[in-house]
Amino acid sequence: MSKVGPAIGSTVSPHSNNNSRQEVTGYNNGRQAVVGPKLGSRLTVMFRDGQVSGSSGCNRFHGSFTAQGNALTIHPLATHAHGL
């Protein structure tokens, strides 16, 4: 389980019913630092009906999340790596 606080660098809110993918500009790496996606890559995320999904180019992820106040908990994710 990963807890992501206000450090996620995107205007997306898991409380909204916005079905559009948002670009992530920074995230908490779990070591008390906010980092950006790897140079030259594009990380996107979408929250909908308790589910989170996204892409980092040719790799995709999906799973569930819970949101309480301004805390966001992302549960273990399934990933799909393409092109390996």
N, C-alpha and C. Protein backbone atom coordinates (compact mmCIF):
# COMPACT_ATOMS: atom_id res chain seq x y z
N MET A 1 0.84 -1.16 0.00
CA MET A 1 0.00 0.00 0.00
C MET A 1 0.90 1.23 0.00
N SER A 2 0.63 2.18 -0.84
CA SER A 2 1.40 3.41 -0.90
C SER A 2 0.53 4.58 -0.51
N LYS A 3 1.02 5.40 0.40
CA LYS A 3 0.29 6.61 0.76
C LYS A 3 0.91 7.77 0.02
N VAL A 4 0.08 8.52 -0.63
CA VAL A 4 0.54 9.69 -1.37
C VAL A 4 -0.20 10.88 -0.83
N GLY A 5 0.51 11.82 -0.27
CA GLY A 5 -0.11 13.01 0.29
C GLY A 5 -0.20 14.09 -0.77
N PRO A 6 -0.20 15.34 -0.36
CA PRO A 6 -0.33 16.45 -1.29
C PRO A 6 0.85 16.59 -2.24
N ALA A 7 1.83 15.69 -2.15
CA ALA A 7 3.02 15.81 -2.98
C ALA A 7 2.81 15.38 -4.42
N ILE A 8 1.68 14.78 -4.74
CA ILE A 8 1.46 14.40 -6.14
C ILE A 8 1.29 15.68 -6.95
N GLY A 9 2.10 15.85 -7.95
CA GLY A 9 2.15 17.11 -8.68
C GLY A 9 1.23 17.14 -9.88
N SER A 10 -0.04 17.17 -9.61
CA SER A 10 -1.01 17.21 -10.68
C SER A 10 -2.25 17.90 -10.15
N THR A 11 -3.05 18.45 -11.01
CA THR A 11 -4.27 19.10 -10.56
C THR A 11 -5.42 18.11 -10.43
N VAL A 12 -5.17 16.85 -10.65
CA VAL A 12 -6.21 15.84 -10.56
C VAL A 12 -6.61 15.63 -9.11
N SER A 13 -7.89 15.43 -8.88
CA SER A 13 -8.39 15.13 -7.55
C SER A 13 -9.11 13.79 -7.59
N PRO A 14 -8.78 12.88 -6.68
CA PRO A 14 -9.47 11.60 -6.66
C PRO A 14 -10.93 11.75 -6.24
N HIS A 15 -11.31 12.92 -5.73
CA HIS A 15 -12.70 13.15 -5.32
C HIS A 15 -13.59 13.57 -6.49
N SER A 16 -13.00 13.96 -7.59
CA SER A 16 -13.80 14.41 -8.73
C SER A 16 -14.18 13.23 -9.60
N ASN A 17 -15.16 13.41 -10.42
CA ASN A 17 -15.56 12.38 -11.38
C ASN A 17 -14.99 12.71 -12.75
N ASN A 18 -13.85 13.33 -12.75
CA ASN A 18 -13.17 13.71 -13.98
C ASN A 18 -12.53 12.46 -14.59
N ASN A 19 -12.99 12.05 -15.75
CA ASN A 19 -12.49 10.84 -16.39
C ASN A 19 -11.31 11.11 -17.31
N SER A 20 -10.79 12.32 -17.31
CA SER A 20 -9.67 12.61 -18.20
C SER A 20 -8.36 12.26 -17.52
N ARG A 21 -7.41 11.84 -18.32
CA ARG A 21 -6.08 11.53 -17.80
C ARG A 21 -5.35 12.85 -17.54
N GLN A 22 -4.62 12.87 -16.46
CA GLN A 22 -3.86 14.04 -16.07
C GLN A 22 -2.38 13.70 -16.08
N GLU A 23 -1.56 14.65 -16.45
CA GLU A 23 -0.11 14.42 -16.45
C GLU A 23 0.44 14.66 -15.04
N VAL A 24 1.26 13.75 -14.56
CA VAL A 24 1.89 13.86 -13.25
C VAL A 24 3.24 14.55 -13.44
N THR A 25 3.47 15.61 -12.68
CA THR A 25 4.72 16.34 -12.79
C THR A 25 5.66 16.04 -11.63
N GLY A 26 5.16 15.41 -10.56
CA GLY A 26 5.98 15.05 -9.42
C GLY A 26 5.22 14.10 -8.51
N TYR A 27 5.96 13.27 -7.79
CA TYR A 27 5.33 12.33 -6.86
C TYR A 27 6.29 12.02 -5.72
N ASN A 28 5.73 11.57 -4.61
CA ASN A 28 6.52 11.20 -3.44
C ASN A 28 7.15 9.84 -3.70
N ASN A 29 8.46 9.76 -3.64
CA ASN A 29 9.15 8.52 -3.95
C ASN A 29 9.24 7.56 -2.76
N GLY A 30 8.58 7.89 -1.66
CA GLY A 30 8.58 7.04 -0.48
C GLY A 30 9.82 7.20 0.39
N ARG A 31 10.72 8.08 0.00
CA ARG A 31 11.95 8.34 0.77
C ARG A 31 12.02 9.81 1.15
N GLN A 32 10.86 10.39 1.42
CA GLN A 32 10.73 11.78 1.84
C GLN A 32 11.23 12.77 0.80
N ALA A 33 11.01 12.45 -0.47
CA ALA A 33 11.40 13.36 -1.54
C ALA A 33 10.35 13.34 -2.64
N VAL A 34 10.14 14.48 -3.23
CA VAL A 34 9.26 14.58 -4.39
C VAL A 34 10.15 14.59 -5.62
N VAL A 35 9.88 13.69 -6.54
CA VAL A 35 10.68 13.56 -7.76
C VAL A 35 9.78 13.64 -8.97
N GLY A 36 10.35 13.97 -10.10
CA GLY A 36 9.61 14.01 -11.35
C GLY A 36 9.77 12.71 -12.11
N PRO A 37 8.93 12.50 -13.10
CA PRO A 37 9.08 11.31 -13.95
C PRO A 37 10.45 11.33 -14.64
N LYS A 38 10.90 10.19 -15.05
CA LYS A 38 12.18 10.06 -15.75
C LYS A 38 12.21 11.00 -16.95
N LEU A 39 13.32 11.66 -17.15
CA LEU A 39 13.48 12.62 -18.24
C LEU A 39 13.10 11.98 -19.58
N GLY A 40 12.26 12.64 -20.33
CA GLY A 40 11.83 12.14 -21.63
C GLY A 40 10.61 11.24 -21.58
N SER A 41 10.10 10.97 -20.37
CA SER A 41 8.91 10.13 -20.27
C SER A 41 7.72 10.98 -19.86
N ARG A 42 6.55 10.44 -20.02
CA ARG A 42 5.31 11.12 -19.65
C ARG A 42 4.51 10.19 -18.76
N LEU A 43 4.22 10.60 -17.54
CA LEU A 43 3.47 9.80 -16.58
C LEU A 43 2.07 10.38 -16.46
N THR A 44 1.06 9.56 -16.71
CA THR A 44 -0.32 10.02 -16.60
C THR A 44 -1.06 9.18 -15.57
N VAL A 45 -2.12 9.76 -15.03
CA VAL A 45 -2.92 9.08 -14.02
C VAL A 45 -4.39 9.48 -14.18
N MET A 46 -5.29 8.55 -13.86
CA MET A 46 -6.73 8.83 -13.89
C MET A 46 -7.37 8.12 -12.70
N PHE A 47 -8.22 8.84 -11.96
CA PHE A 47 -8.97 8.28 -10.85
C PHE A 47 -10.44 8.22 -11.24
N ARG A 48 -11.08 7.06 -11.00
CA ARG A 48 -12.50 6.94 -11.33
C ARG A 48 -13.10 5.80 -10.51
N ASP A 49 -14.17 6.10 -9.79
CA ASP A 49 -14.94 5.09 -9.06
C ASP A 49 -14.07 4.18 -8.20
N GLY A 50 -13.12 4.74 -7.45
CA GLY A 50 -12.27 3.94 -6.57
C GLY A 50 -11.15 3.21 -7.28
N GLN A 51 -11.00 3.46 -8.58
CA GLN A 51 -9.94 2.82 -9.37
C GLN A 51 -8.97 3.88 -9.87
N VAL A 52 -7.70 3.52 -9.92
CA VAL A 52 -6.67 4.39 -10.46
C VAL A 52 -6.00 3.64 -11.61
N SER A 53 -5.69 4.36 -12.65
CA SER A 53 -4.97 3.76 -13.78
C SER A 53 -4.06 4.82 -14.37
N GLY A 54 -3.11 4.38 -15.14
CA GLY A 54 -2.21 5.33 -15.76
C GLY A 54 -1.21 4.67 -16.66
N SER A 55 -0.31 5.50 -17.17
CA SER A 55 0.66 5.04 -18.13
C SER A 55 1.95 5.84 -17.98
N SER A 56 3.05 5.18 -18.29
CA SER A 56 4.34 5.87 -18.35
C SER A 56 4.93 5.68 -19.75
N GLY A 57 4.09 5.79 -20.73
CA GLY A 57 4.50 5.54 -22.11
C GLY A 57 3.96 4.20 -22.54
N CYS A 58 4.85 3.22 -22.69
CA CYS A 58 4.39 1.91 -23.12
C CYS A 58 4.04 1.00 -21.93
N ASN A 59 4.31 1.42 -20.71
CA ASN A 59 3.97 0.65 -19.53
C ASN A 59 2.71 1.23 -18.88
N ARG A 60 1.82 0.33 -18.45
CA ARG A 60 0.56 0.77 -17.84
C ARG A 60 0.42 0.17 -16.45
N PHE A 61 -0.41 0.81 -15.61
CA PHE A 61 -0.71 0.30 -14.28
C PHE A 61 -2.17 0.54 -13.96
N HIS A 62 -2.71 -0.25 -13.03
CA HIS A 62 -4.07 -0.04 -12.56
C HIS A 62 -4.24 -0.70 -11.20
N GLY A 63 -5.21 -0.21 -10.44
CA GLY A 63 -5.49 -0.75 -9.12
C GLY A 63 -6.57 0.08 -8.45
N SER A 64 -6.66 -0.05 -7.15
CA SER A 64 -7.67 0.68 -6.41
C SER A 64 -7.02 1.71 -5.50
N PHE A 65 -7.84 2.66 -5.05
CA PHE A 65 -7.36 3.69 -4.13
C PHE A 65 -8.48 4.06 -3.17
N THR A 66 -8.11 4.67 -2.06
CA THR A 66 -9.07 5.28 -1.15
C THR A 66 -8.59 6.69 -0.87
N ALA A 67 -9.53 7.58 -0.69
CA ALA A 67 -9.21 8.97 -0.38
C ALA A 67 -9.97 9.39 0.86
N GLN A 68 -9.27 10.04 1.78
CA GLN A 68 -9.89 10.54 2.99
C GLN A 68 -9.25 11.88 3.31
N GLY A 69 -10.07 12.93 3.29
CA GLY A 69 -9.52 14.28 3.47
C GLY A 69 -8.57 14.58 2.32
N ASN A 70 -7.36 15.02 2.65
CA ASN A 70 -6.39 15.26 1.57
C ASN A 70 -5.34 14.15 1.51
N ALA A 71 -5.65 12.99 2.12
CA ALA A 71 -4.76 11.83 2.05
C ALA A 71 -5.26 10.84 1.01
N LEU A 72 -4.38 10.35 0.22
CA LEU A 72 -4.70 9.40 -0.85
C LEU A 72 -3.89 8.14 -0.62
N THR A 73 -4.56 6.99 -0.54
CA THR A 73 -3.87 5.72 -0.38
C THR A 73 -4.07 4.91 -1.65
N ILE A 74 -2.97 4.58 -2.30
CA ILE A 74 -3.02 3.75 -3.51
C ILE A 74 -2.63 2.34 -3.09
N HIS A 75 -3.52 1.40 -3.31
CA HIS A 75 -3.30 0.00 -2.93
C HIS A 75 -2.41 -0.66 -3.97
N PRO A 76 -1.90 -1.89 -3.71
CA PRO A 76 -0.99 -2.54 -4.65
C PRO A 76 -1.52 -2.49 -6.09
N LEU A 77 -0.63 -2.19 -7.00
CA LEU A 77 -0.99 -2.00 -8.41
C LEU A 77 -0.57 -3.19 -9.26
N ALA A 78 -1.35 -3.45 -10.29
CA ALA A 78 -0.95 -4.40 -11.33
C ALA A 78 -0.30 -3.58 -12.42
N THR A 79 0.75 -4.11 -13.03
CA THR A 79 1.45 -3.40 -14.10
C THR A 79 1.53 -4.27 -15.35
N HIS A 80 1.60 -3.58 -16.46
CA HIS A 80 1.75 -4.24 -17.77
C HIS A 80 2.92 -3.58 -18.47
N ALA A 81 4.00 -4.31 -18.64
CA ALA A 81 5.18 -3.78 -19.31
C ALA A 81 5.18 -4.27 -20.75
N HIS A 82 5.27 -3.35 -21.68
CA HIS A 82 5.28 -3.71 -23.10
C HIS A 82 6.65 -3.40 -23.69
N GLY A 83 7.01 -4.13 -24.69
CA GLY A 83 8.23 -3.84 -25.43
C GLY A 83 9.50 -4.39 -24.78
N LEU A 84 9.35 -5.32 -23.84
CA LEU A 84 10.55 -5.89 -23.22
C LEU A 84 10.96 -7.15 -23.92
